[in-house]
Amino acid sequence: MATKPKKKNPRLASGRKRVRQDVKINAANTSLRSKYRTAVKNVEKAVIAGDKTKATEAFARMQAVVDTVADKGIFHKNKAARDKSRLSTKVKTLVTKAA
């Protein structure tokens, strides 16, 4: 069973502080990335289920999450725009089919 080699602790105080900051930032980024993916999945589930009201509400919530994540640089702005565009198309087709 191969294990990762243990990382050495930085000697300089500035290096130790950087490690502490990286742990906090990594946790925050992971949380936001998860929130982004969950928001996208919720819209897709509502579209698959054919529930137009739930889909439009989830899409509105998803847009806010996607914009904040893209502004923080966790995902690229173009990826966020692409995801919003694709999901808006799915929601619009769902709404027009139901009407």
Protein backbone atom coordinates (compact mmCIF):
# COMPACT_ATOMS: atom_id res chain seq x y z
CA MET A 1 0.00 0.00 0.00
CA ALA A 2 1.66 3.17 -1.22
CA THR A 3 1.07 6.30 0.83
CA LYS A 4 1.85 9.87 -0.04
CA PRO A 5 5.10 11.20 1.35
CA LYS A 6 4.47 13.47 4.30
CA LYS A 7 4.90 17.16 3.53
CA LYS A 8 7.49 19.01 5.50
CA ASN A 9 6.45 21.99 7.57
CA PRO A 10 7.75 25.32 6.31
CA ARG A 11 10.46 26.86 8.46
CA LEU A 12 9.67 30.51 7.89
CA ALA A 13 6.78 32.10 9.74
CA SER A 14 5.45 33.54 6.47
CA GLY A 15 5.44 30.04 4.97
CA ARG A 16 3.58 28.61 7.95
CA LYS A 17 1.00 31.39 7.69
CA ARG A 18 0.61 30.70 3.96
CA VAL A 19 -0.13 27.03 4.71
CA ARG A 20 -2.78 28.03 7.26
CA GLN A 21 -4.37 30.42 4.76
CA ASP A 22 -4.29 27.81 1.99
CA VAL A 23 -6.22 25.35 4.14
CA LYS A 24 -8.97 27.91 4.81
CA ILE A 25 -9.13 29.08 1.19
CA ASN A 26 -9.19 25.50 -0.10
CA ALA A 27 -12.13 24.66 2.18
CA ALA A 28 -14.05 27.76 1.05
CA ASN A 29 -13.40 27.04 -2.62
CA THR A 30 -14.44 23.40 -2.24
CA SER A 31 -17.68 24.47 -0.58
CA LEU A 32 -18.50 26.98 -3.33
CA ARG A 33 -17.62 24.49 -6.07
CA SER A 34 -20.00 21.99 -4.49
CA LYS A 35 -22.73 24.64 -4.20
CA TYR A 36 -22.30 25.46 -7.91
CA ARG A 37 -22.62 21.85 -9.01
CA THR A 38 -25.62 21.24 -6.75
CA ALA A 39 -27.42 24.30 -8.14
CA VAL A 40 -26.83 23.12 -11.72
CA LYS A 41 -28.01 19.60 -10.89
CA ASN A 42 -31.20 20.92 -9.26
CA VAL A 43 -32.14 22.75 -12.47
CA GLU A 44 -31.39 19.68 -14.59
CA LYS A 45 -33.47 17.44 -12.31
CA ALA A 46 -36.43 19.83 -12.51
CA VAL A 47 -36.14 19.94 -16.33
CA ILE A 48 -36.02 16.14 -16.56
CA ALA A 49 -39.03 15.89 -14.23
CA GLY A 50 -40.89 18.34 -16.48
CA ASP A 51 -41.79 20.71 -13.62
CA LYS A 52 -41.65 24.17 -15.21
CA THR A 53 -42.29 26.21 -12.04
CA LYS A 54 -39.63 24.34 -10.07
CA ALA A 55 -37.23 24.60 -13.02
CA THR A 56 -37.64 28.38 -13.36
CA GLU A 57 -37.20 28.91 -9.60
CA ALA A 58 -34.13 26.66 -9.49
CA PHE A 59 -32.71 28.44 -12.54
CA ALA A 60 -33.10 31.84 -10.87
CA ARG A 61 -31.27 30.58 -7.76
CA MET A 62 -28.65 28.87 -9.90
CA GLN A 63 -27.81 32.10 -11.77
CA ALA A 64 -26.89 33.88 -8.54
CA VAL A 65 -24.68 31.03 -7.37
CA VAL A 66 -22.98 30.69 -10.76
CA ASP A 67 -22.25 34.43 -10.95
CA THR A 68 -20.72 34.60 -7.48
CA VAL A 69 -18.53 31.54 -8.11
CA ALA A 70 -17.37 32.94 -11.46
CA ASP A 71 -16.61 36.36 -9.92
CA LYS A 72 -14.43 34.69 -7.29
CA GLY A 73 -12.52 32.87 -10.02
CA ILE A 74 -13.33 29.34 -8.87
CA PHE A 75 -14.73 28.53 -12.32
CA HIS A 76 -13.92 30.52 -15.43
CA LYS A 77 -16.43 33.17 -16.47
CA ASN A 78 -16.89 31.54 -19.86
CA LYS A 79 -17.74 28.19 -18.24
CA ALA A 80 -20.31 29.91 -16.04
CA ALA A 81 -21.83 31.69 -19.04
CA ARG A 82 -21.89 28.44 -21.03
CA ASP A 83 -23.66 26.57 -18.22
CA LYS A 84 -26.20 29.35 -17.76
CA SER A 85 -26.86 29.49 -21.50
CA ARG A 86 -27.37 25.76 -21.87
CA LEU A 87 -29.66 25.53 -18.86
CA SER A 88 -31.68 28.59 -19.88
CA THR A 89 -32.29 26.93 -23.26
CA LYS A 90 -33.49 23.76 -21.53
CA VAL A 91 -35.80 25.72 -19.21
CA LYS A 92 -37.20 27.79 -22.10
CA THR A 93 -37.99 24.70 -24.17
CA LEU A 94 -39.69 23.17 -21.13
CA VAL A 95 -41.82 26.30 -20.66
CA THR A 96 -42.77 26.50 -24.36
CA LYS A 97 -43.67 22.80 -24.46
CA ALA A 98 -45.93 23.19 -21.43
CA ALA A 99 -47.68 26.27 -22.89
